[in-house]
Amino acid sequence: MDKILLVWLERLTKDWVRGPGLSRGFDIAKRIQFLTVDIITQLSLGECFQCTEHDTDRYGFLETVKDATPISLQMSLFPEIPRMMYHLTKIPLLRRLLVPSENDEGGIGKVIGVSTTSPFLTAFEREINYPQVIKQIIDRRIAAESSCKNNMVGSFLDRGLSRTQAPTELVVALVAGSDTTSTSIQATLLSIITNPVVYSRLQDEIDHATAHGHVSMPIRDAEARRPPYLQACVLEGLRTHPPLAQLRDRVTPPEGDYILGYRVPGGTWVGLNSWGTQRDAIFGDDLDIFRPERWLVDDIAKVKQMKRTCDLVFGYGPTKCLGVGIARMELNKVIFE
């Protein structure tokens, strides 16, 4: 992660930072997306997509996620639809129509596979008939053996997934581990830079830590967890703008259950609205205001309850986001740098 972050910072400084009186249009949101995609592909596949290095959406990954997100959000409201589609895919003819393929020209299948006409492929890659991006990376990591130990490819294969199953699982990880983290970083950064008081206080804390040699370059995760105002800004960013609007579904047991005193029949789908949970009264009266100071009170019990509530943006129980540690690490590092 640190190597990719350094490349990202170097690219920003070299290509976009200008001196006094000079300016140039710069879409930092897009570059944050490039960064999070590179980090998650490095962790998942053992090598990144190099979106930061090329300063572009290689393979159309981000565009595909952008197009697919509204559809997935709508389908999440009707859990019967995915269940029905699952059964339909057992019919060979329908499976070919419904299930993404690495040969698709768009959609999730395009993420799994990329054609030889991609403008980002080198002459050598075209010459060898560059096949599916993810599938080729998997084969390459397997061939290297030792290169397949510290990434999700190796973990999946060690636990019994086949070479054909692994790409599908990895696509889920790539989408979940890049878009949501990017959204959190963008929302938090926007809230900071549009609030002069918050911006000034955070900048002073960062300058003090840097001047006194309390941090490395780039900052380490353990170091980033120490500055109290930085942590308050990260928590407040997650609270005011949860990265996932999708309902986190659960199904009540056959015998039913009681939720907040209400009887819920068995087999009922119950969704968790992350935005609603972050407007809880535990956070005070100014729920729609970005105010990191709310996290810096002396009431330890209250802060603990606030953190537990804020943690719901990552889900809860057995379906809680498995990448929460990585997401927090990226937020800490990127906001500080």
C-alpha atoms as a PDB file:
ATOM      1  CA  MET A   1       0.000   0.000   0.000  1.00  0.00           C
ATOM      2  CA  ASP A   2       2.769   2.460   0.910  1.00  0.00           C
ATOM      3  CA  LYS A   3       4.532   2.069  -2.447  1.00  0.00           C
ATOM      4  CA  ILE A   4       1.317   2.803  -4.340  1.00  0.00           C
ATOM      5  CA  LEU A   5       0.574   5.772  -2.083  1.00  0.00           C
ATOM      6  CA  LEU A   6       4.044   7.211  -2.705  1.00  0.00           C
ATOM      7  CA  VAL A   7       3.574   6.892  -6.472  1.00  0.00           C
ATOM      8  CA  TRP A   8       0.219   8.632  -6.110  1.00  0.00           C
ATOM      9  CA  LEU A   9       1.666  11.505  -4.055  1.00  0.00           C
ATOM     10  CA  GLU A  10       4.594  11.890  -6.449  1.00  0.00           C
ATOM     11  CA  ARG A  11       2.220  12.010  -9.404  1.00  0.00           C
ATOM     12  CA  LEU A  12       0.071  14.688  -7.741  1.00  0.00           C
ATOM     13  CA  THR A  13       3.092  16.805  -6.848  1.00  0.00           C
ATOM     14  CA  LYS A  14       4.762  16.482 -10.237  1.00  0.00           C
ATOM     15  CA  ASP A  15       1.756  16.917 -12.514  1.00  0.00           C
ATOM     16  CA  TRP A  16      -0.709  19.060 -10.604  1.00  0.00           C
ATOM     17  CA  VAL A  17       0.922  21.227  -7.948  1.00  0.00           C
ATOM     18  CA  ARG A  18       1.561  24.764  -9.209  1.00  0.00           C
ATOM     19  CA  GLY A  19       3.368  27.764  -7.776  1.00  0.00           C
ATOM     20  CA  PRO A  20       1.834  31.044  -6.533  1.00  0.00           C
ATOM     21  CA  GLY A  21      -0.404  32.712  -9.080  1.00  0.00           C
ATOM     22  CA  LEU A  22      -0.640  29.589 -11.213  1.00  0.00           C
ATOM     23  CA  SER A  23      -3.574  27.218 -11.373  1.00  0.00           C
ATOM     24  CA  ARG A  24      -4.753  24.193 -13.282  1.00  0.00           C
ATOM     25  CA  GLY A  25      -7.976  22.225 -13.192  1.00  0.00           C
ATOM     26  CA  PHE A  26      -7.649  19.041 -11.183  1.00  0.00           C
ATOM     27  CA  ASP A  27     -10.194  16.313 -10.472  1.00  0.00           C
ATOM     28  CA  ILE A  28      -8.919  14.808  -7.226  1.00  0.00           C
ATOM     29  CA  ALA A  29     -12.011  12.586  -6.913  1.00  0.00           C
ATOM     30  CA  LYS A  30     -10.972  10.683 -10.010  1.00  0.00           C
ATOM     31  CA  ARG A  31      -7.394  10.303  -8.734  1.00  0.00           C
ATOM     32  CA  ILE A  32      -8.645   8.998  -5.392  1.00  0.00           C
ATOM     33  CA  GLN A  33     -10.570   6.363  -7.341  1.00  0.00           C
ATOM     34  CA  PHE A  34      -7.393   5.422  -9.222  1.00  0.00           C
ATOM     35  CA  LEU A  35      -5.564   5.071  -5.898  1.00  0.00           C
ATOM     36  CA  THR A  36      -8.135   2.826  -4.216  1.00  0.00           C
ATOM     37  CA  VAL A  37      -8.401   0.602  -7.306  1.00  0.00           C
ATOM     38  CA  ASP A  38      -4.630   0.169  -7.403  1.00  0.00           C
ATOM     39  CA  ILE A  39      -4.478  -0.666  -3.698  1.00  0.00           C
ATOM     40  CA  ILE A  40      -7.258  -3.267  -3.754  1.00  0.00           C
ATOM     41  CA  THR A  41      -5.960  -4.931  -6.927  1.00  0.00           C
ATOM     42  CA  GLN A  42      -2.489  -5.129  -5.399  1.00  0.00           C
ATOM     43  CA  LEU A  43      -3.859  -6.733  -2.240  1.00  0.00           C
ATOM     44  CA  SER A  44      -6.203  -9.039  -4.131  1.00  0.00           C
ATOM     45  CA  LEU A  45      -4.132 -10.044  -7.141  1.00  0.00           C
ATOM     46  CA  GLY A  46      -0.570  -9.371  -6.086  1.00  0.00           C
ATOM     47  CA  GLU A  47      -0.193  -6.665  -8.738  1.00  0.00           C
ATOM     48  CA  CYS A  48      -2.151  -3.484  -9.353  1.00  0.00           C
ATOM     49  CA  PHE A  49      -3.993  -2.123 -12.388  1.00  0.00           C
ATOM     50  CA  GLN A  50      -1.586   0.876 -12.486  1.00  0.00           C
ATOM     51  CA  CYS A  51      -4.393   3.402 -12.864  1.00  0.00           C
ATOM     52  CA  THR A  52      -2.355   5.929 -10.860  1.00  0.00           C
ATOM     53  CA  GLU A  53       0.781   5.471 -12.930  1.00  0.00           C
ATOM     54  CA  HIS A  54      -1.120   5.828 -16.221  1.00  0.00           C
ATOM     55  CA  ASP A  55      -3.531   8.423 -14.789  1.00  0.00           C
ATOM     56  CA  THR A  56      -6.492   6.722 -16.413  1.00  0.00           C
ATOM     57  CA  ASP A  57      -9.229   4.173 -15.780  1.00  0.00           C
ATOM     58  CA  ARG A  58      -7.466   1.163 -17.205  1.00  0.00           C
ATOM     59  CA  TYR A  59      -9.766  -1.559 -18.554  1.00  0.00           C
ATOM     60  CA  GLY A  60     -12.823   0.636 -17.869  1.00  0.00           C
ATOM     61  CA  PHE A  61     -13.127  -0.764 -14.352  1.00  0.00           C
ATOM     62  CA  LEU A  62     -14.445   2.409 -12.720  1.00  0.00           C
ATOM     63  CA  GLU A  63     -16.873   3.102 -15.544  1.00  0.00           C
ATOM     64  CA  THR A  64     -18.247  -0.418 -15.208  1.00  0.00           C
ATOM     65  CA  VAL A  65     -18.751  -0.002 -11.452  1.00  0.00           C
ATOM     66  CA  LYS A  66     -20.463   3.350 -12.030  1.00  0.00           C
ATOM     67  CA  ASP A  67     -22.921   1.806 -14.493  1.00  0.00           C
ATOM     68  CA  ALA A  68     -23.617  -1.284 -12.393  1.00  0.00           C
ATOM     69  CA  THR A  69     -24.110   0.387  -9.005  1.00  0.00           C
ATOM     70  CA  PRO A  70     -27.637   1.812  -9.594  1.00  0.00           C
ATOM     71  CA  ILE A  71     -28.792  -1.590 -10.837  1.00  0.00           C
ATOM     72  CA  SER A  72     -27.382  -3.447  -7.847  1.00  0.00           C
ATOM     73  CA  LEU A  73     -28.928  -0.909  -5.454  1.00  0.00           C
ATOM     74  CA  GLN A  74     -32.347  -1.374  -7.018  1.00  0.00           C
ATOM     75  CA  MET A  75     -32.061  -5.166  -6.971  1.00  0.00           C
ATOM     76  CA  SER A  76     -31.063  -5.099  -3.308  1.00  0.00           C
ATOM     77  CA  LEU A  77     -34.523  -3.752  -2.501  1.00  0.00           C
ATOM     78  CA  PHE A  78     -36.132  -6.865  -3.988  1.00  0.00           C
ATOM     79  CA  PRO A  79     -34.202  -9.884  -2.648  1.00  0.00           C
ATOM     80  CA  GLU A  80     -36.539 -12.216  -4.527  1.00  0.00           C
ATOM     81  CA  ILE A  81     -35.032 -11.115  -7.859  1.00  0.00           C
ATOM     82  CA  PRO A  82     -31.441 -12.333  -7.201  1.00  0.00           C
ATOM     83  CA  ARG A  83     -32.891 -15.542  -5.765  1.00  0.00           C
ATOM     84  CA  MET A  84     -34.976 -16.065  -8.903  1.00  0.00           C
ATOM     85  CA  MET A  85     -32.023 -15.306 -11.166  1.00  0.00           C
ATOM     86  CA  TYR A  86     -29.915 -17.821  -9.269  1.00  0.00           C
ATOM     87  CA  HIS A  87     -32.371 -20.583 -10.108  1.00  0.00           C
ATOM     88  CA  LEU A  88     -32.661 -19.400 -13.719  1.00  0.00           C
ATOM     89  CA  THR A  89     -28.902 -19.648 -14.194  1.00  0.00           C
ATOM     90  CA  LYS A  90     -29.150 -23.396 -13.681  1.00  0.00           C
ATOM     91  CA  ILE A  91     -30.692 -23.538 -17.174  1.00  0.00           C
ATOM     92  CA  PRO A  92     -27.711 -23.612 -19.610  1.00  0.00           C
ATOM     93  CA  LEU A  93     -29.254 -21.293 -22.207  1.00  0.00           C
ATOM     94  CA  LEU A  94     -30.293 -18.701 -19.639  1.00  0.00           C
ATOM     95  CA  ARG A  95     -26.987 -19.001 -17.825  1.00  0.00           C
ATOM     96  CA  ARG A  96     -25.163 -17.793 -20.925  1.00  0.00           C
ATOM     97  CA  LEU A  97     -27.463 -14.766 -21.028  1.00  0.00           C
ATOM     98  CA  LEU A  98     -27.478 -13.890 -17.327  1.00  0.00           C
ATOM     99  CA  VAL A  99     -24.016 -14.763 -15.996  1.00  0.00           C
ATOM    100  CA  PRO A 100     -21.110 -12.376 -16.786  1.00  0.00           C
ATOM    101  CA  SER A 101     -18.437 -13.742 -19.106  1.00  0.00           C
ATOM    102  CA  GLU A 102     -14.876 -12.607 -19.672  1.00  0.00           C
ATOM    103  CA  ASN A 103     -15.829 -12.184 -23.329  1.00  0.00           C
ATOM    104  CA  ASP A 104     -18.513  -9.565 -22.607  1.00  0.00           C
ATOM    105  CA  GLU A 105     -18.005  -6.115 -24.082  1.00  0.00           C
ATOM    106  CA  GLY A 106     -19.458  -4.411 -21.018  1.00  0.00           C
ATOM    107  CA  GLY A 107     -20.616  -4.928 -17.447  1.00  0.00           C
ATOM    108  CA  ILE A 108     -18.916  -7.066 -14.832  1.00  0.00           C
ATOM    109  CA  GLY A 109     -17.731  -9.475 -17.505  1.00  0.00           C
ATOM    110  CA  LYS A 110     -15.572  -6.684 -18.872  1.00  0.00           C
ATOM    111  CA  VAL A 111     -13.859  -6.436 -15.510  1.00  0.00           C
ATOM    112  CA  ILE A 112     -12.991 -10.118 -15.652  1.00  0.00           C
ATOM    113  CA  GLY A 113     -11.819  -9.955 -19.228  1.00  0.00           C
ATOM    114  CA  VAL A 114     -10.433  -7.321 -21.573  1.00  0.00           C
ATOM    115  CA  SER A 115     -10.124  -7.622 -25.329  1.00  0.00           C
ATOM    116  CA  THR A 116      -6.935  -7.287 -27.344  1.00  0.00           C
ATOM    117  CA  THR A 117      -8.207  -3.977 -28.735  1.00  0.00           C
ATOM    118  CA  SER A 118      -7.754  -2.155 -25.420  1.00  0.00           C
ATOM    119  CA  PRO A 119      -5.766   1.076 -26.053  1.00  0.00           C
ATOM    120  CA  PHE A 120      -3.829   0.514 -22.828  1.00  0.00           C
ATOM    121  CA  LEU A 121      -2.212  -2.751 -23.907  1.00  0.00           C
ATOM    122  CA  THR A 122       1.387  -2.746 -25.025  1.00  0.00           C
ATOM    123  CA  ALA A 123       2.445  -4.070 -28.409  1.00  0.00           C
ATOM    124  CA  PHE A 124       3.866  -7.158 -26.700  1.00  0.00           C
ATOM    125  CA  GLU A 125       0.592  -7.794 -24.870  1.00  0.00           C
ATOM    126  CA  ARG A 126      -1.345  -7.603 -28.127  1.00  0.00           C
ATOM    127  CA  GLU A 127       1.163  -9.859 -29.837  1.00  0.00           C
ATOM    128  CA  ILE A 128       0.623 -12.626 -27.284  1.00  0.00           C
ATOM    129  CA  ASN A 129      -3.160 -12.137 -27.533  1.00  0.00           C
ATOM    130  CA  TYR A 130      -3.534 -10.586 -24.066  1.00  0.00           C
ATOM    131  CA  PRO A 131      -6.420 -12.546 -22.497  1.00  0.00           C
ATOM    132  CA  GLN A 132      -8.582 -11.894 -19.487  1.00  0.00           C
ATOM    133  CA  VAL A 133      -6.982  -9.440 -17.078  1.00  0.00           C
ATOM    134  CA  ILE A 134      -7.901 -11.081 -13.817  1.00  0.00           C
ATOM    135  CA  LYS A 135      -7.644 -14.634 -15.126  1.00  0.00           C
ATOM    136  CA  GLN A 136      -4.214 -13.996 -16.609  1.00  0.00           C
ATOM    137  CA  ILE A 137      -2.979 -12.404 -13.402  1.00  0.00           C
ATOM    138  CA  ILE A 138      -4.205 -15.424 -11.461  1.00  0.00           C
ATOM    139  CA  ASP A 139      -2.399 -17.820 -13.810  1.00  0.00           C
ATOM    140  CA  ARG A 140       0.738 -15.716 -13.581  1.00  0.00           C
ATOM    141  CA  ARG A 141       0.682 -15.682  -9.785  1.00  0.00           C
ATOM    142  CA  ILE A 142       0.072 -19.420  -9.653  1.00  0.00           C
ATOM    143  CA  ALA A 143       2.996 -20.041 -11.999  1.00  0.00           C
ATOM    144  CA  ALA A 144       5.250 -17.990  -9.729  1.00  0.00           C
ATOM    145  CA  GLU A 145       3.970 -19.913  -6.673  1.00  0.00           C
ATOM    146  CA  SER A 146       5.846 -17.766  -4.152  1.00  0.00           C
ATOM    147  CA  SER A 147       4.085 -14.679  -5.539  1.00  0.00           C
ATOM    148  CA  CYS A 148       0.712 -16.163  -4.671  1.00  0.00           C
ATOM    149  CA  LYS A 149       1.164 -16.349  -0.914  1.00  0.00           C
ATOM    150  CA  ASN A 150       0.407 -12.858   0.379  1.00  0.00           C
ATOM    151  CA  ASN A 151      -2.711 -11.964  -1.571  1.00  0.00           C
ATOM    152  CA  MET A 152      -6.331 -13.027  -1.910  1.00  0.00           C
ATOM    153  CA  VAL A 153      -5.619 -15.155  -4.977  1.00  0.00           C
ATOM    154  CA  GLY A 154      -3.475 -17.487  -2.915  1.00  0.00           C
ATOM    155  CA  SER A 155      -5.941 -17.462  -0.029  1.00  0.00           C
ATOM    156  CA  PHE A 156      -8.871 -18.413  -2.274  1.00  0.00           C
ATOM    157  CA  LEU A 157      -6.978 -21.166  -4.046  1.00  0.00           C
ATOM    158  CA  ASP A 158      -5.577 -22.574  -0.792  1.00  0.00           C
ATOM    159  CA  ARG A 159      -9.141 -22.883   0.490  1.00  0.00           C
ATOM    160  CA  GLY A 160     -10.386 -24.902  -2.438  1.00  0.00           C
ATOM    161  CA  LEU A 161     -11.606 -22.408  -5.041  1.00  0.00           C
ATOM    162  CA  SER A 162     -10.849 -23.355  -8.639  1.00  0.00           C
ATOM    163  CA  ARG A 163      -9.233 -21.105 -11.221  1.00  0.00           C
ATOM    164  CA  THR A 164     -12.642 -20.483 -12.747  1.00  0.00           C
ATOM    165  CA  GLN A 165     -14.302 -19.651  -9.416  1.00  0.00           C
ATOM    166  CA  ALA A 166     -11.583 -17.322  -8.129  1.00  0.00           C
ATOM    167  CA  PRO A 167     -12.128 -14.516 -10.694  1.00  0.00           C
ATOM    168  CA  THR A 168     -15.795 -14.190  -9.722  1.00  0.00           C
ATOM    169  CA  GLU A 169     -14.961 -13.917  -6.030  1.00  0.00           C
ATOM    170  CA  LEU A 170     -12.195 -11.431  -6.772  1.00  0.00           C
ATOM    171  CA  VAL A 171     -14.495  -9.164  -8.777  1.00  0.00           C
ATOM    172  CA  VAL A 172     -16.726  -8.836  -5.700  1.00  0.00           C
ATOM    173  CA  ALA A 173     -13.693  -7.941  -3.589  1.00  0.00           C
ATOM    174  CA  LEU A 174     -12.393  -5.435  -6.140  1.00  0.00           C
ATOM    175  CA  VAL A 175     -15.697  -3.586  -6.415  1.00  0.00           C
ATOM    176  CA  ALA A 176     -16.429  -3.626  -2.672  1.00  0.00           C
ATOM    177  CA  GLY A 177     -12.868  -2.682  -1.750  1.00  0.00           C
ATOM    178  CA  SER A 178     -12.400   0.246  -4.112  1.00  0.00           C
ATOM    179  CA  ASP A 179     -15.641   2.164  -4.684  1.00  0.00           C
ATOM    180  CA  THR A 180     -16.779   2.390  -1.049  1.00  0.00           C
ATOM    181  CA  THR A 181     -13.347   3.406   0.252  1.00  0.00           C
ATOM    182  CA  SER A 182     -12.995   6.007  -2.477  1.00  0.00           C
ATOM    183  CA  THR A 183     -16.422   7.410  -1.594  1.00  0.00           C
ATOM    184  CA  SER A 184     -15.465   7.707   2.087  1.00  0.00           C
ATOM    185  CA  ILE A 185     -12.175   9.455   1.338  1.00  0.00           C
ATOM    186  CA  GLN A 186     -13.797  11.878  -1.091  1.00  0.00           C
ATOM    187  CA  ALA A 187     -16.688  12.744   1.238  1.00  0.00           C
ATOM    188  CA  THR A 188     -14.424  13.223   4.262  1.00  0.00           C
ATOM    189  CA  LEU A 189     -11.916  15.326   2.337  1.00  0.00           C
ATOM    190  CA  LEU A 190     -14.689  17.504   0.888  1.00  0.00           C
ATOM    191  CA  SER A 191     -16.150  18.095   4.345  1.00  0.00           C
ATOM    192  CA  ILE A 192     -12.734  19.117   5.671  1.00  0.00           C
ATOM    193  CA  ILE A 193     -11.702  21.524   2.919  1.00  0.00           C
ATOM    194  CA  THR A 194     -15.098  23.266   2.899  1.00  0.00           C
ATOM    195  CA  ASN A 195     -14.928  23.959   6.632  1.00  0.00           C
ATOM    196  CA  PRO A 196     -12.150  26.519   7.344  1.00  0.00           C
ATOM    197  CA  VAL A 197     -12.158  25.904  11.104  1.00  0.00           C
ATOM    198  CA  VAL A 198     -11.824  22.139  10.716  1.00  0.00           C
ATOM    199  CA  TYR A 199      -9.263  22.484   7.933  1.00  0.00           C
ATOM    200  CA  SER A 200      -7.071  24.849   9.983  1.00  0.00           C
ATOM    201  CA  ARG A 201      -7.164  22.709  13.123  1.00  0.00           C
ATOM    202  CA  LEU A 202      -6.356  19.499  11.231  1.00  0.00           C
ATOM    203  CA  GLN A 203      -3.557  21.192   9.286  1.00  0.00           C
ATOM    204  CA  ASP A 204      -2.018  22.435  12.541  1.00  0.00           C
ATOM    205  CA  GLU A 205      -2.113  18.914  13.995  1.00  0.00           C
ATOM    206  CA  ILE A 206      -0.508  17.450  10.862  1.00  0.00           C
ATOM    207  CA  ASP A 207       2.177  20.176  10.760  1.00  0.00           C
ATOM    208  CA  HIS A 208       3.016  19.618  14.428  1.00  0.00           C
ATOM    209  CA  ALA A 209       3.333  15.842  14.020  1.00  0.00           C
ATOM    210  CA  THR A 210       5.520  16.264  10.929  1.00  0.00           C
ATOM    211  CA  ALA A 211       7.761  18.964  12.425  1.00  0.00           C
ATOM    212  CA  HIS A 212       8.443  16.918  15.572  1.00  0.00           C
ATOM    213  CA  GLY A 213       9.248  13.721  13.660  1.00  0.00           C
ATOM    214  CA  HIS A 214       6.253  11.798  14.981  1.00  0.00           C
ATOM    215  CA  VAL A 215       5.359  10.354  11.575  1.00  0.00           C
ATOM    216  CA  SER A 216       7.043   8.511   8.719  1.00  0.00           C
ATOM    217  CA  MET A 217       6.785   9.146   5.003  1.00  0.00           C
ATOM    218  CA  PRO A 218       4.233   7.986   4.143  1.00  0.00           C
ATOM    219  CA  ILE A 219       2.604   7.844   7.535  1.00  0.00           C
ATOM    220  CA  ARG A 220       2.225   4.384   9.044  1.00  0.00           C
ATOM    221  CA  ASP A 221      -1.150   3.155  10.176  1.00  0.00           C
ATOM    222  CA  ALA A 222      -0.119   3.013  13.848  1.00  0.00           C
ATOM    223  CA  GLU A 223       1.143   6.607  13.625  1.00  0.00           C
ATOM    224  CA  ALA A 224      -2.053   7.795  11.925  1.00  0.00           C
ATOM    225  CA  ARG A 225      -4.176   6.388  14.744  1.00  0.00           C
ATOM    226  CA  ARG A 226      -2.559   8.712  17.301  1.00  0.00           C
ATOM    227  CA  PRO A 227      -3.532  12.259  16.173  1.00  0.00           C
ATOM    228  CA  PRO A 228      -6.898  12.764  17.916  1.00  0.00           C
ATOM    229  CA  TYR A 229      -8.327  15.365  15.543  1.00  0.00           C
ATOM    230  CA  LEU A 230      -7.446  13.309  12.469  1.00  0.00           C
ATOM    231  CA  GLN A 231      -9.277  10.346  13.957  1.00  0.00           C
ATOM    232  CA  ALA A 232     -12.231  12.565  14.826  1.00  0.00           C
ATOM    233  CA  CYS A 233     -12.384  13.777  11.206  1.00  0.00           C
ATOM    234  CA  VAL A 234     -12.297  10.216   9.854  1.00  0.00           C
ATOM    235  CA  LEU A 235     -15.079   9.073  12.211  1.00  0.00           C
ATOM    236  CA  GLU A 236     -17.185  12.130  11.454  1.00  0.00           C
ATOM    237  CA  GLY A 237     -16.705  11.574   7.722  1.00  0.00           C
ATOM    238  CA  LEU A 238     -17.987   8.012   8.015  1.00  0.00           C
ATOM    239  CA  ARG A 239     -20.910   9.185  10.142  1.00  0.00           C
ATOM    240  CA  THR A 240     -22.081  12.042   7.927  1.00  0.00           C
ATOM    241  CA  HIS A 241     -21.593  10.191   4.648  1.00  0.00           C
ATOM    242  CA  PRO A 242     -21.729   6.381   5.011  1.00  0.00           C
ATOM    243  CA  PRO A 243     -20.124   4.830   1.914  1.00  0.00           C
ATOM    244  CA  LEU A 244     -22.870   2.278   1.332  1.00  0.00           C
ATOM    245  CA  ALA A 245     -26.494   3.243   0.744  1.00  0.00           C
ATOM    246  CA  GLN A 246     -27.484  -0.341   0.050  1.00  0.00           C
ATOM    247  CA  LEU A 247     -29.640  -2.093   2.667  1.00  0.00           C
ATOM    248  CA  ARG A 248     -27.747  -4.728   4.638  1.00  0.00           C
ATOM    249  CA  ASP A 249     -30.300  -7.549   4.559  1.00  0.00           C
ATOM    250  CA  ARG A 250     -30.919 -10.151   7.239  1.00  0.00           C
ATOM    251  CA  VAL A 251     -33.601 -12.859   7.411  1.00  0.00           C
ATOM    252  CA  THR A 252     -35.439 -13.593  10.627  1.00  0.00           C
ATOM    253  CA  PRO A 253     -35.329 -17.230  11.829  1.00  0.00           C
ATOM    254  CA  PRO A 254     -38.272 -19.556  11.088  1.00  0.00           C
ATOM    255  CA  GLU A 255     -39.747 -18.989  14.532  1.00  0.00           C
ATOM    256  CA  GLY A 256     -39.697 -15.223  14.036  1.00  0.00           C
ATOM    257  CA  ASP A 257     -38.110 -12.576  16.254  1.00  0.00           C
ATOM    258  CA  TYR A 258     -38.762  -9.396  18.222  1.00  0.00           C
ATOM    259  CA  ILE A 259     -37.104  -6.172  17.061  1.00  0.00           C
ATOM    260  CA  LEU A 260     -37.493  -3.116  19.304  1.00  0.00           C
ATOM    261  CA  GLY A 261     -40.557  -4.751  20.820  1.00  0.00           C
ATOM    262  CA  TYR A 262     -42.236  -5.520  17.506  1.00  0.00           C
ATOM    263  CA  ARG A 263     -43.054  -9.067  16.475  1.00  0.00           C
ATOM    264  CA  VAL A 264     -41.456  -9.913  13.098  1.00  0.00           C
ATOM    265  CA  PRO A 265     -42.619 -13.163  11.389  1.00  0.00           C
ATOM    266  CA  GLY A 266     -40.116 -15.833  10.400  1.00  0.00           C
ATOM    267  CA  GLY A 267     -38.493 -15.550   6.983  1.00  0.00           C
ATOM    268  CA  THR A 268     -38.850 -11.752   6.870  1.00  0.00           C
ATOM    269  CA  TRP A 269     -36.120  -9.761   5.168  1.00  0.00           C
ATOM    270  CA  VAL A 270     -34.951  -6.915   7.416  1.00  0.00           C
ATOM    271  CA  GLY A 271     -32.708  -4.202   5.979  1.00  0.00           C
ATOM    272  CA  LEU A 272     -30.246  -1.980   7.844  1.00  0.00           C
ATOM    273  CA  ASN A 273     -30.174   1.619   6.626  1.00  0.00           C
ATOM    274  CA  SER A 274     -26.655   2.920   7.323  1.00  0.00           C
ATOM    275  CA  TRP A 275     -27.639   6.552   6.852  1.00  0.00           C
ATOM    276  CA  GLY A 276     -30.441   6.179   9.370  1.00  0.00           C
ATOM    277  CA  THR A 277     -28.201   4.627  12.025  1.00  0.00           C
ATOM    278  CA  GLN A 278     -25.798   7.577  11.782  1.00  0.00           C
ATOM    279  CA  ARG A 279     -28.573  10.057  12.648  1.00  0.00           C
ATOM    280  CA  ASP A 280     -29.030   8.517  16.089  1.00  0.00           C
ATOM    281  CA  ALA A 281     -29.611  10.836  19.051  1.00  0.00           C
ATOM    282  CA  ILE A 282     -26.368   9.596  20.643  1.00  0.00           C
ATOM    283  CA  PHE A 283     -24.542  11.979  18.288  1.00  0.00           C
ATOM    284  CA  GLY A 284     -26.382  15.080  19.514  1.00  0.00           C
ATOM    285  CA  ASP A 285     -28.809  17.514  17.916  1.00  0.00           C
ATOM    286  CA  ASP A 286     -26.762  18.803  14.961  1.00  0.00           C
ATOM    287  CA  LEU A 287     -26.803  15.467  13.143  1.00  0.00           C
ATOM    288  CA  ASP A 288     -26.385  16.877   9.632  1.00  0.00           C
ATOM    289  CA  ILE A 289     -23.377  19.033  10.526  1.00  0.00           C
ATOM    290  CA  PHE A 290     -19.793  17.850  10.001  1.00  0.00           C
ATOM    291  CA  ARG A 291     -18.371  18.538  13.472  1.00  0.00           C
ATOM    292  CA  PRO A 292     -15.381  16.364  14.469  1.00  0.00           C
ATOM    293  CA  GLU A 293     -15.349  17.936  17.924  1.00  0.00           C
ATOM    294  CA  ARG A 294     -18.314  15.740  18.928  1.00  0.00           C
ATOM    295  CA  TRP A 295     -15.835  12.843  19.165  1.00  0.00           C
ATOM    296  CA  LEU A 296     -13.457  14.673  21.511  1.00  0.00           C
ATOM    297  CA  VAL A 297     -15.629  14.848  24.648  1.00  0.00           C
ATOM    298  CA  ASP A 298     -14.537  13.491  28.026  1.00  0.00           C
ATOM    299  CA  ASP A 299     -17.508  11.133  28.379  1.00  0.00           C
ATOM    300  CA  ILE A 300     -15.722   7.825  27.650  1.00  0.00           C
ATOM    301  CA  ALA A 301     -18.891   5.727  27.795  1.00  0.00           C
ATOM    302  CA  LYS A 302     -20.681   8.007  25.330  1.00  0.00           C
ATOM    303  CA  VAL A 303     -17.764   8.020  22.876  1.00  0.00           C
ATOM    304  CA  LYS A 304     -17.608   4.234  23.065  1.00  0.00           C
ATOM    305  CA  GLN A 305     -21.318   4.008  22.208  1.00  0.00           C
ATOM    306  CA  MET A 306     -20.858   6.519  19.379  1.00  0.00           C
ATOM    307  CA  LYS A 307     -18.034   4.443  17.903  1.00  0.00           C
ATOM    308  CA  ARG A 308     -20.127   1.265  18.108  1.00  0.00           C
ATOM    309  CA  THR A 309     -22.958   3.023  16.302  1.00  0.00           C
ATOM    310  CA  CYS A 310     -20.632   4.489  13.672  1.00  0.00           C
ATOM    311  CA  ASP A 311     -19.154   1.050  13.116  1.00  0.00           C
ATOM    312  CA  LEU A 312     -22.532  -0.056  11.742  1.00  0.00           C
ATOM    313  CA  VAL A 313     -21.631   1.582   8.411  1.00  0.00           C
ATOM    314  CA  PHE A 314     -19.494  -1.521   7.850  1.00  0.00           C
ATOM    315  CA  GLY A 315     -22.319  -3.892   8.739  1.00  0.00           C
ATOM    316  CA  TYR A 316     -22.620  -6.179  11.726  1.00  0.00           C
ATOM    317  CA  GLY A 317     -22.177  -9.827  12.627  1.00  0.00           C
ATOM    318  CA  PRO A 318     -21.104 -12.526  10.149  1.00  0.00           C
ATOM    319  CA  THR A 319     -21.692 -10.295   7.105  1.00  0.00           C
ATOM    320  CA  LYS A 320     -19.692  -7.345   8.409  1.00  0.00           C
ATOM    321  CA  CYS A 321     -17.281  -5.914   5.850  1.00  0.00           C
ATOM    322  CA  LEU A 322     -14.128  -8.055   5.877  1.00  0.00           C
ATOM    323  CA  GLY A 323     -12.033  -5.155   4.588  1.00  0.00           C
ATOM    324  CA  VAL A 324     -12.847  -2.704   7.379  1.00  0.00           C
ATOM    325  CA  GLY A 325      -9.230  -2.701   8.579  1.00  0.00           C
ATOM    326  CA  ILE A 326      -7.899  -1.905   5.117  1.00  0.00           C
ATOM    327  CA  ALA A 327     -10.527   0.789   4.566  1.00  0.00           C
ATOM    328  CA  ARG A 328      -9.656   2.543   7.840  1.00  0.00           C
ATOM    329  CA  MET A 329      -5.967   2.307   7.016  1.00  0.00           C
ATOM    330  CA  GLU A 330      -6.505   3.969   3.633  1.00  0.00           C
ATOM    331  CA  LEU A 331      -8.656   6.706   5.176  1.00  0.00           C
ATOM    332  CA  ASN A 332      -6.034   7.458   7.838  1.00  0.00           C
ATOM    333  CA  LYS A 333      -3.133   7.562   5.404  1.00  0.00           C
ATOM    334  CA  VAL A 334      -4.751   9.466   2.544  1.00  0.00           C
ATOM    335  CA  ILE A 335      -6.442  12.147   4.671  1.00  0.00           C
ATOM    336  CA  PHE A 336      -3.183  12.793   6.556  1.00  0.00           C
ATOM    337  CA  GLU A 337      -0.994  12.934   3.445  1.00  0.00           C
END
